[in-house]
């Protein structure tokens, strides 16, 4: 699977209460489960809320699978970027 960074522009995203974010996440996860049950390879690693954006890290076979998830989950997708490298930094010694 490929790793993708997804940018979702949502006005006031950082002001959404955590309970609502959890609810949205549960809806997204149920769509992921449905898609995996259909034989599609897709999983979400984690999401970050920053300003008016939600940035999600997904693993999927293709960008089209990521777009299908967004459409089925009813969430926006403003940018999808294929991740070419992951740099892990550990400055604590």
PDB file of N, CA and C in Angstrom:
ATOM      1  N   UNK A   1       0.844  -1.189   0.000  1.00  0.00           N
ATOM      2  CA  UNK A   1       0.000   0.000   0.000  1.00  0.00           C
ATOM      3  C   UNK A   1       0.883   1.243   0.000  1.00  0.00           C
ATOM      4  N   UNK A   2       0.331   2.298  -0.549  1.00  0.00           N
ATOM      5  CA  UNK A   2       0.996   3.593  -0.543  1.00  0.00           C
ATOM      6  C   UNK A   2       0.531   4.396   0.666  1.00  0.00           C
ATOM      7  N   UNK A   3       1.351   5.356   1.054  1.00  0.00           N
ATOM      8  CA  UNK A   3       0.992   6.265   2.155  1.00  0.00           C
ATOM      9  C   UNK A   3       0.615   7.611   1.533  1.00  0.00           C
ATOM     10  N   UNK A   4      -0.507   8.178   2.001  1.00  0.00           N
ATOM     11  CA  UNK A   4      -0.999   9.451   1.482  1.00  0.00           C
ATOM     12  C   UNK A   4      -1.243  10.429   2.626  1.00  0.00           C
ATOM     13  N   UNK A   5      -0.972  11.704   2.353  1.00  0.00           N
ATOM     14  CA  UNK A   5      -1.325  12.789   3.258  1.00  0.00           C
ATOM     15  C   UNK A   5      -2.523  13.494   2.631  1.00  0.00           C
ATOM     16  N   UNK A   6      -3.615  13.557   3.374  1.00  0.00           N
ATOM     17  CA  UNK A   6      -4.848  14.144   2.873  1.00  0.00           C
ATOM     18  C   UNK A   6      -5.115  15.433   3.622  1.00  0.00           C
ATOM     19  N   UNK A   7      -5.400  16.482   2.877  1.00  0.00           N
ATOM     20  CA  UNK A   7      -5.757  17.773   3.479  1.00  0.00           C
ATOM     21  C   UNK A   7      -7.254  17.977   3.283  1.00  0.00           C
ATOM     22  N   UNK A   8      -7.942  18.200   4.403  1.00  0.00           N
ATOM     23  CA  UNK A   8      -9.374  18.483   4.383  1.00  0.00           C
ATOM     24  C   UNK A   8      -9.574  19.897   4.938  1.00  0.00           C
ATOM     25  N   UNK A   9     -10.034  20.807   4.107  1.00  0.00           N
ATOM     26  CA  UNK A   9     -10.292  22.174   4.553  1.00  0.00           C
ATOM     27  C   UNK A   9     -11.680  22.233   5.169  1.00  0.00           C
ATOM     28  N   UNK A  10     -11.722  22.532   6.466  1.00  0.00           N
ATOM     29  CA  UNK A  10     -12.984  22.611   7.209  1.00  0.00           C
ATOM     30  C   UNK A  10     -12.928  23.880   8.046  1.00  0.00           C
ATOM     31  N   UNK A  11     -13.729  24.853   7.679  1.00  0.00           N
ATOM     32  CA  UNK A  11     -13.748  26.122   8.398  1.00  0.00           C
ATOM     33  C   UNK A  11     -13.971  25.878   9.883  1.00  0.00           C
ATOM     34  N   UNK A  12     -13.080  26.425  10.710  1.00  0.00           N
ATOM     35  CA  UNK A  12     -13.196  26.299  12.158  1.00  0.00           C
ATOM     36  C   UNK A  12     -12.875  24.919  12.692  1.00  0.00           C
ATOM     37  N   UNK A  13     -12.118  24.136  11.954  1.00  0.00           N
ATOM     38  CA  UNK A  13     -11.814  22.751  12.359  1.00  0.00           C
ATOM     39  C   UNK A  13     -11.243  22.685  13.771  1.00  0.00           C
ATOM     40  N   UNK A  14     -10.360  23.606  14.103  1.00  0.00           N
ATOM     41  CA  UNK A  14      -9.723  23.554  15.422  1.00  0.00           C
ATOM     42  C   UNK A  14     -10.684  23.918  16.555  1.00  0.00           C
ATOM     43  N   UNK A  15     -11.863  24.410  16.206  1.00  0.00           N
ATOM     44  CA  UNK A  15     -12.868  24.766  17.215  1.00  0.00           C
ATOM     45  C   UNK A  15     -13.929  23.673  17.396  1.00  0.00           C
ATOM     46  N   UNK A  16     -13.845  22.606  16.601  1.00  0.00           N
ATOM     47  CA  UNK A  16     -14.826  21.528  16.713  1.00  0.00           C
ATOM     48  C   UNK A  16     -14.584  20.777  18.017  1.00  0.00           C
ATOM     49  N   UNK A  17     -15.611  20.585  18.825  1.00  0.00           N
ATOM     50  CA  UNK A  17     -15.439  19.865  20.098  1.00  0.00           C
ATOM     51  C   UNK A  17     -14.952  18.432  19.866  1.00  0.00           C
ATOM     52  N   UNK A  18     -14.170  17.923  20.796  1.00  0.00           N
ATOM     53  CA  UNK A  18     -13.584  16.590  20.641  1.00  0.00           C
ATOM     54  C   UNK A  18     -14.653  15.511  20.498  1.00  0.00           C
ATOM     55  N   UNK A  19     -15.818  15.682  21.135  1.00  0.00           N
ATOM     56  CA  UNK A  19     -16.890  14.697  21.004  1.00  0.00           C
ATOM     57  C   UNK A  19     -17.369  14.617  19.557  1.00  0.00           C
ATOM     58  N   UNK A  20     -17.480  15.766  18.905  1.00  0.00           N
ATOM     59  CA  UNK A  20     -17.916  15.809  17.501  1.00  0.00           C
ATOM     60  C   UNK A  20     -16.840  15.204  16.608  1.00  0.00           C
ATOM     61  N   UNK A  21     -15.574  15.488  16.887  1.00  0.00           N
ATOM     62  CA  UNK A  21     -14.482  14.891  16.109  1.00  0.00           C
ATOM     63  C   UNK A  21     -14.495  13.373  16.247  1.00  0.00           C
ATOM     64  N   UNK A  22     -14.762  12.884  17.463  1.00  0.00           N
ATOM     65  CA  UNK A  22     -14.854  11.436  17.684  1.00  0.00           C
ATOM     66  C   UNK A  22     -15.997  10.836  16.871  1.00  0.00           C
ATOM     67  N   UNK A  23     -17.119  11.534  16.829  1.00  0.00           N
ATOM     68  CA  UNK A  23     -18.283  11.067  16.070  1.00  0.00           C
ATOM     69  C   UNK A  23     -17.956  10.989  14.582  1.00  0.00           C
ATOM     70  N   UNK A  24     -17.297  12.019  14.069  1.00  0.00           N
ATOM     71  CA  UNK A  24     -16.896  12.037  12.660  1.00  0.00           C
ATOM     72  C   UNK A  24     -15.922  10.892  12.391  1.00  0.00           C
ATOM     73  N   UNK A  25     -14.984  10.686  13.301  1.00  0.00           N
ATOM     74  CA  UNK A  25     -14.002   9.615  13.156  1.00  0.00           C
ATOM     75  C   UNK A  25     -14.643   8.238  13.140  1.00  0.00           C
ATOM     76  N   UNK A  26     -15.663   8.041  13.971  1.00  0.00           N
ATOM     77  CA  UNK A  26     -16.357   6.759  14.001  1.00  0.00           C
ATOM     78  C   UNK A  26     -17.091   6.502  12.690  1.00  0.00           C
ATOM     79  N   UNK A  27     -17.682   7.546  12.126  1.00  0.00           N
ATOM     80  CA  UNK A  27     -18.350   7.410  10.825  1.00  0.00           C
ATOM     81  C   UNK A  27     -17.362   7.066   9.730  1.00  0.00           C
ATOM     82  N   UNK A  28     -16.212   7.717   9.759  1.00  0.00           N
ATOM     83  CA  UNK A  28     -15.152   7.443   8.796  1.00  0.00           C
ATOM     84  C   UNK A  28     -14.662   6.003   8.928  1.00  0.00           C
ATOM     85  N   UNK A  29     -14.471   5.557  10.161  1.00  0.00           N
ATOM     86  CA  UNK A  29     -13.974   4.196  10.391  1.00  0.00           C
ATOM     87  C   UNK A  29     -14.976   3.156   9.908  1.00  0.00           C
ATOM     88  N   UNK A  30     -16.264   3.410  10.079  1.00  0.00           N
ATOM     89  CA  UNK A  30     -17.259   2.438   9.613  1.00  0.00           C
ATOM     90  C   UNK A  30     -17.204   2.296   8.094  1.00  0.00           C
ATOM     91  N   UNK A  31     -16.942   3.390   7.388  1.00  0.00           N
ATOM     92  CA  UNK A  31     -16.793   3.323   5.928  1.00  0.00           C
ATOM     93  C   UNK A  31     -15.515   2.556   5.570  1.00  0.00           C
ATOM     94  N   UNK A  32     -14.444   2.780   6.321  1.00  0.00           N
ATOM     95  CA  UNK A  32     -13.202   2.034   6.076  1.00  0.00           C
ATOM     96  C   UNK A  32     -13.433   0.532   6.233  1.00  0.00           C
ATOM     97  N   UNK A  33     -14.163   0.144   7.266  1.00  0.00           N
ATOM     98  CA  UNK A  33     -14.460  -1.277   7.501  1.00  0.00           C
ATOM     99  C   UNK A  33     -15.266  -1.841   6.328  1.00  0.00           C
ATOM    100  N   UNK A  34     -16.289  -1.105   5.887  1.00  0.00           N
ATOM    101  CA  UNK A  34     -17.094  -1.543   4.736  1.00  0.00           C
ATOM    102  C   UNK A  34     -16.210  -1.747   3.510  1.00  0.00           C
ATOM    103  N   UNK A  35     -15.341  -0.796   3.254  1.00  0.00           N
ATOM    104  CA  UNK A  35     -14.475  -0.874   2.076  1.00  0.00           C
ATOM    105  C   UNK A  35     -13.520  -2.061   2.172  1.00  0.00           C
ATOM    106  N   UNK A  36     -12.955  -2.291   3.357  1.00  0.00           N
ATOM    107  CA  UNK A  36     -12.065  -3.446   3.533  1.00  0.00           C
ATOM    108  C   UNK A  36     -12.833  -4.754   3.348  1.00  0.00           C
ATOM    109  N   UNK A  37     -14.091  -4.789   3.803  1.00  0.00           N
ATOM    110  CA  UNK A  37     -14.927  -5.973   3.616  1.00  0.00           C
ATOM    111  C   UNK A  37     -15.217  -6.229   2.138  1.00  0.00           C
ATOM    112  N   UNK A  38     -15.124  -5.180   1.319  1.00  0.00           N
ATOM    113  CA  UNK A  38     -15.309  -5.294  -0.126  1.00  0.00           C
ATOM    114  C   UNK A  38     -14.000  -5.656  -0.831  1.00  0.00           C
ATOM    115  N   UNK A  39     -12.928  -5.850  -0.045  1.00  0.00           N
ATOM    116  CA  UNK A  39     -11.643  -6.226  -0.623  1.00  0.00           C
ATOM    117  C   UNK A  39     -10.741  -5.062  -1.002  1.00  0.00           C
ATOM    118  N   UNK A  40     -11.104  -3.862  -0.584  1.00  0.00           N
ATOM    119  CA  UNK A  40     -10.281  -2.683  -0.893  1.00  0.00           C
ATOM    120  C   UNK A  40      -9.293  -2.472   0.244  1.00  0.00           C
ATOM    121  N   UNK A  41      -8.069  -2.166  -0.112  1.00  0.00           N
ATOM    122  CA  UNK A  41      -7.012  -1.949   0.875  1.00  0.00           C
ATOM    123  C   UNK A  41      -6.932  -0.470   1.227  1.00  0.00           C
ATOM    124  N   UNK A  42      -7.367  -0.153   2.444  1.00  0.00           N
ATOM    125  CA  UNK A  42      -7.312   1.224   2.933  1.00  0.00           C
ATOM    126  C   UNK A  42      -7.342   1.199   4.456  1.00  0.00           C
ATOM    127  N   UNK A  43      -6.516   2.045   5.057  1.00  0.00           N
ATOM    128  CA  UNK A  43      -6.520   2.190   6.511  1.00  0.00           C
ATOM    129  C   UNK A  43      -6.048   3.593   6.858  1.00  0.00           C
ATOM    130  N   UNK A  44      -6.525   4.084   7.986  1.00  0.00           N
ATOM    131  CA  UNK A  44      -6.136   5.404   8.454  1.00  0.00           C
ATOM    132  C   UNK A  44      -5.143   5.243   9.589  1.00  0.00           C
ATOM    133  N   UNK A  45      -4.034   5.977   9.498  1.00  0.00           N
ATOM    134  CA  UNK A  45      -3.034   5.949  10.579  1.00  0.00           C
ATOM    135  C   UNK A  45      -3.393   6.931  11.675  1.00  0.00           C
ATOM    136  N   UNK A  46      -3.541   8.189  11.289  1.00  0.00           N
ATOM    137  CA  UNK A  46      -3.887   9.206  12.275  1.00  0.00           C
ATOM    138  C   UNK A  46      -4.250  10.498  11.583  1.00  0.00           C
ATOM    139  N   UNK A  47      -4.839  11.408  12.360  1.00  0.00           N
ATOM    140  CA  UNK A  47      -5.248  12.707  11.826  1.00  0.00           C
ATOM    141  C   UNK A  47      -4.783  13.806  12.758  1.00  0.00           C
ATOM    142  N   UNK A  48      -4.580  14.974  12.164  1.00  0.00           N
ATOM    143  CA  UNK A  48      -4.139  16.160  12.904  1.00  0.00           C
ATOM    144  C   UNK A  48      -5.092  17.297  12.577  1.00  0.00           C
ATOM    145  N   UNK A  49      -5.560  17.993  13.600  1.00  0.00           N
ATOM    146  CA  UNK A  49      -6.409  19.154  13.406  1.00  0.00           C
ATOM    147  C   UNK A  49      -5.538  20.379  13.624  1.00  0.00           C
ATOM    148  N   UNK A  50      -5.520  21.262  12.625  1.00  0.00           N
ATOM    149  CA  UNK A  50      -4.683  22.467  12.700  1.00  0.00           C
ATOM    150  C   UNK A  50      -5.386  23.599  11.959  1.00  0.00           C
ATOM    151  N   UNK A  51      -5.760  24.629  12.711  1.00  0.00           N
ATOM    152  CA  UNK A  51      -6.421  25.775  12.089  1.00  0.00           C
ATOM    153  C   UNK A  51      -7.726  25.358  11.431  1.00  0.00           C
ATOM    154  N   UNK A  52      -7.858  25.662  10.155  1.00  0.00           N
ATOM    155  CA  UNK A  52      -9.059  25.329   9.394  1.00  0.00           C
ATOM    156  C   UNK A  52      -8.868  24.063   8.569  1.00  0.00           C
ATOM    157  N   UNK A  53      -8.005  23.176   9.028  1.00  0.00           N
ATOM    158  CA  UNK A  53      -7.699  21.965   8.273  1.00  0.00           C
ATOM    159  C   UNK A  53      -7.648  20.743   9.168  1.00  0.00           C
ATOM    160  N   UNK A  54      -7.945  19.609   8.553  1.00  0.00           N
ATOM    161  CA  UNK A  54      -7.687  18.317   9.159  1.00  0.00           C
ATOM    162  C   UNK A  54      -6.766  17.601   8.185  1.00  0.00           C
ATOM    163  N   UNK A  55      -5.609  17.181   8.672  1.00  0.00           N
ATOM    164  CA  UNK A  55      -4.634  16.449   7.862  1.00  0.00           C
ATOM    165  C   UNK A  55      -4.674  14.988   8.301  1.00  0.00           C
ATOM    166  N   UNK A  56      -4.904  14.097   7.358  1.00  0.00           N
ATOM    167  CA  UNK A  56      -5.016  12.672   7.669  1.00  0.00           C
ATOM    168  C   UNK A  56      -3.918  11.908   6.953  1.00  0.00           C
ATOM    169  N   UNK A  57      -3.417  10.875   7.603  1.00  0.00           N
ATOM    170  CA  UNK A  57      -2.451   9.975   6.997  1.00  0.00           C
ATOM    171  C   UNK A  57      -3.162   8.651   6.761  1.00  0.00           C
ATOM    172  N   UNK A  58      -3.218   8.247   5.497  1.00  0.00           N
ATOM    173  CA  UNK A  58      -3.882   7.005   5.112  1.00  0.00           C
ATOM    174  C   UNK A  58      -2.895   6.112   4.377  1.00  0.00           C
ATOM    175  N   UNK A  59      -3.124   4.819   4.479  1.00  0.00           N
ATOM    176  CA  UNK A  59      -2.448   3.832   3.644  1.00  0.00           C
ATOM    177  C   UNK A  59      -3.527   3.248   2.745  1.00  0.00           C
ATOM    178  N   UNK A  60      -3.261   3.222   1.454  1.00  0.00           N
ATOM    179  CA  UNK A  60      -4.254   2.725   0.498  1.00  0.00           C
ATOM    180  C   UNK A  60      -3.552   2.282  -0.778  1.00  0.00           C
ATOM    181  N   UNK A  61      -4.266   1.478  -1.550  1.00  0.00           N
ATOM    182  CA  UNK A  61      -3.702   1.008  -2.811  1.00  0.00           C
ATOM    183  C   UNK A  61      -3.563   2.123  -3.834  1.00  0.00           C
ATOM    184  N   UNK A  62      -4.483   3.109  -3.779  1.00  0.00           N
ATOM    185  CA  UNK A  62      -4.443   4.170  -4.789  1.00  0.00           C
ATOM    186  C   UNK A  62      -5.140   5.424  -4.279  1.00  0.00           C
ATOM    187  N   UNK A  63      -4.898   6.500  -4.975  1.00  0.00           N
ATOM    188  CA  UNK A  63      -5.555   7.774  -4.682  1.00  0.00           C
ATOM    189  C   UNK A  63      -7.064   7.638  -4.899  1.00  0.00           C
ATOM    190  N   UNK A  64      -7.461   6.852  -5.896  1.00  0.00           N
ATOM    191  CA  UNK A  64      -8.884   6.659  -6.170  1.00  0.00           C
ATOM    192  C   UNK A  64      -9.606   6.022  -4.985  1.00  0.00           C
ATOM    193  N   UNK A  65      -8.952   5.104  -4.285  1.00  0.00           N
ATOM    194  CA  UNK A  65      -9.555   4.463  -3.109  1.00  0.00           C
ATOM    195  C   UNK A  65      -9.735   5.510  -2.001  1.00  0.00           C
ATOM    196  N   UNK A  66      -8.761   6.401  -1.847  1.00  0.00           N
ATOM    197  CA  UNK A  66      -8.868   7.481  -0.851  1.00  0.00           C
ATOM    198  C   UNK A  66     -10.041   8.397  -1.203  1.00  0.00           C
ATOM    199  N   UNK A  67     -10.175   8.742  -2.476  1.00  0.00           N
ATOM    200  CA  UNK A  67     -11.282   9.597  -2.915  1.00  0.00           C
ATOM    201  C   UNK A  67     -12.630   8.913  -2.691  1.00  0.00           C
ATOM    202  N   UNK A  68     -12.696   7.616  -2.970  1.00  0.00           N
ATOM    203  CA  UNK A  68     -13.935   6.876  -2.758  1.00  0.00           C
ATOM    204  C   UNK A  68     -14.337   6.907  -1.282  1.00  0.00           C
ATOM    205  N   UNK A  69     -13.349   6.725  -0.407  1.00  0.00           N
ATOM    206  CA  UNK A  69     -13.652   6.772   1.029  1.00  0.00           C
ATOM    207  C   UNK A  69     -14.244   8.125   1.402  1.00  0.00           C
ATOM    208  N   UNK A  70     -13.627   9.200   0.947  1.00  0.00           N
ATOM    209  CA  UNK A  70     -14.104  10.540   1.289  1.00  0.00           C
ATOM    210  C   UNK A  70     -15.533  10.748   0.803  1.00  0.00           C
ATOM    211  N   UNK A  71     -15.805  10.310  -0.413  1.00  0.00           N
ATOM    212  CA  UNK A  71     -17.144  10.469  -0.972  1.00  0.00           C
ATOM    213  C   UNK A  71     -18.167   9.682  -0.149  1.00  0.00           C
ATOM    214  N   UNK A  72     -17.842   8.447   0.166  1.00  0.00           N
ATOM    215  CA  UNK A  72     -18.763   7.605   0.926  1.00  0.00           C
ATOM    216  C   UNK A  72     -18.931   8.085   2.359  1.00  0.00           C
ATOM    217  N   UNK A  73     -17.878   8.655   2.947  1.00  0.00           N
ATOM    218  CA  UNK A  73     -17.938   9.143   4.327  1.00  0.00           C
ATOM    219  C   UNK A  73     -18.508  10.554   4.419  1.00  0.00           C
ATOM    220  N   UNK A  74     -18.627  11.234   3.274  1.00  0.00           N
ATOM    221  CA  UNK A  74     -19.171  12.590   3.262  1.00  0.00           C
ATOM    222  C   UNK A  74     -18.228  13.624   3.848  1.00  0.00           C
ATOM    223  N   UNK A  75     -16.916  13.409   3.630  1.00  0.00           N
ATOM    224  CA  UNK A  75     -15.918  14.364   4.118  1.00  0.00           C
ATOM    225  C   UNK A  75     -15.171  14.967   2.929  1.00  0.00           C
ATOM    226  N   UNK A  76     -14.734  16.222   3.056  1.00  0.00           N
ATOM    227  CA  UNK A  76     -14.033  16.855   1.940  1.00  0.00           C
ATOM    228  C   UNK A  76     -12.619  16.307   1.756  1.00  0.00           C
ATOM    229  N   UNK A  77     -12.142  16.397   0.531  1.00  0.00           N
ATOM    230  CA  UNK A  77     -10.741  16.110   0.217  1.00  0.00           C
ATOM    231  C   UNK A  77     -10.274  17.239  -0.690  1.00  0.00           C
ATOM    232  N   UNK A  78      -9.402  18.095  -0.163  1.00  0.00           N
ATOM    233  CA  UNK A  78      -8.914  19.216  -0.946  1.00  0.00           C
ATOM    234  C   UNK A  78      -7.581  18.916  -1.614  1.00  0.00           C
ATOM    235  N   UNK A  79      -6.787  18.073  -0.984  1.00  0.00           N
ATOM    236  CA  UNK A  79      -5.502  17.663  -1.572  1.00  0.00           C
ATOM    237  C   UNK A  79      -5.179  16.254  -1.117  1.00  0.00           C
ATOM    238  N   UNK A  80      -4.601  15.485  -2.031  1.00  0.00           N
ATOM    239  CA  UNK A  80      -4.080  14.157  -1.712  1.00  0.00           C
ATOM    240  C   UNK A  80      -2.649  14.129  -2.230  1.00  0.00           C
ATOM    241  N   UNK A  81      -1.714  13.857  -1.339  1.00  0.00           N
ATOM    242  CA  UNK A  81      -0.300  13.830  -1.718  1.00  0.00           C
ATOM    243  C   UNK A  81       0.283  12.471  -1.371  1.00  0.00           C
ATOM    244  N   UNK A  82       0.912  11.853  -2.357  1.00  0.00           N
ATOM    245  CA  UNK A  82       1.612  10.592  -2.135  1.00  0.00           C
ATOM    246  C   UNK A  82       2.866  10.878  -1.319  1.00  0.00           C
ATOM    247  N   UNK A  83       3.044  10.169  -0.222  1.00  0.00           N
ATOM    248  CA  UNK A  83       4.222  10.354   0.631  1.00  0.00           C
ATOM    249  C   UNK A  83       5.360   9.531   0.047  1.00  0.00           C
ATOM    250  N   UNK A  84       6.480  10.187  -0.242  1.00  0.00           N
ATOM    251  CA  UNK A  84       7.618   9.484  -0.841  1.00  0.00           C
ATOM    252  C   UNK A  84       8.595   8.970   0.204  1.00  0.00           C
ATOM    253  N   UNK A  85       8.668   9.640   1.355  1.00  0.00           N
ATOM    254  CA  UNK A  85       9.586   9.231   2.420  1.00  0.00           C
ATOM    255  C   UNK A  85       9.019   9.647   3.764  1.00  0.00           C
ATOM    256  N   UNK A  86       9.355   8.882   4.784  1.00  0.00           N
ATOM    257  CA  UNK A  86       8.985   9.230   6.154  1.00  0.00           C
ATOM    258  C   UNK A  86      10.279   9.407   6.937  1.00  0.00           C
ATOM    259  N   UNK A  87      10.441  10.569   7.531  1.00  0.00           N
ATOM    260  CA  UNK A  87      11.616  10.859   8.346  1.00  0.00           C
ATOM    261  C   UNK A  87      11.190  10.816   9.802  1.00  0.00           C
ATOM    262  N   UNK A  88      11.845  10.022  10.575  1.00  0.00           N
ATOM    263  CA  UNK A  88      11.530   9.949  12.004  1.00  0.00           C
ATOM    264  C   UNK A  88      12.691  10.564  12.772  1.00  0.00           C
ATOM    265  N   UNK A  89      12.349  11.521  13.606  1.00  0.00           N
ATOM    266  CA  UNK A  89      13.350  12.232  14.378  1.00  0.00           C
ATOM    267  C   UNK A  89      13.175  11.921  15.853  1.00  0.00           C
ATOM    268  N   UNK A  90      14.249  11.638  16.506  1.00  0.00           N
ATOM    269  CA  UNK A  90      14.227  11.418  17.937  1.00  0.00           C
ATOM    270  C   UNK A  90      15.375  12.228  18.524  1.00  0.00           C
ATOM    271  N   UNK A  91      15.029  13.394  19.024  1.00  0.00           N
ATOM    272  CA  UNK A  91      16.079  14.256  19.577  1.00  0.00           C
ATOM    273  C   UNK A  91      16.267  14.029  21.065  1.00  0.00           C
ATOM    274  N   UNK A  92      15.460  13.167  21.667  1.00  0.00           N
ATOM    275  CA  UNK A  92      15.624  12.839  23.086  1.00  0.00           C
ATOM    276  C   UNK A  92      16.639  11.720  23.218  1.00  0.00           C
ATOM    277  N   UNK A  93      17.679  11.963  23.996  1.00  0.00           N
ATOM    278  CA  UNK A  93      18.706  10.937  24.141  1.00  0.00           C
ATOM    279  C   UNK A  93      18.715  10.381  25.530  1.00  0.00           C
TER     280      UNK A  93
END
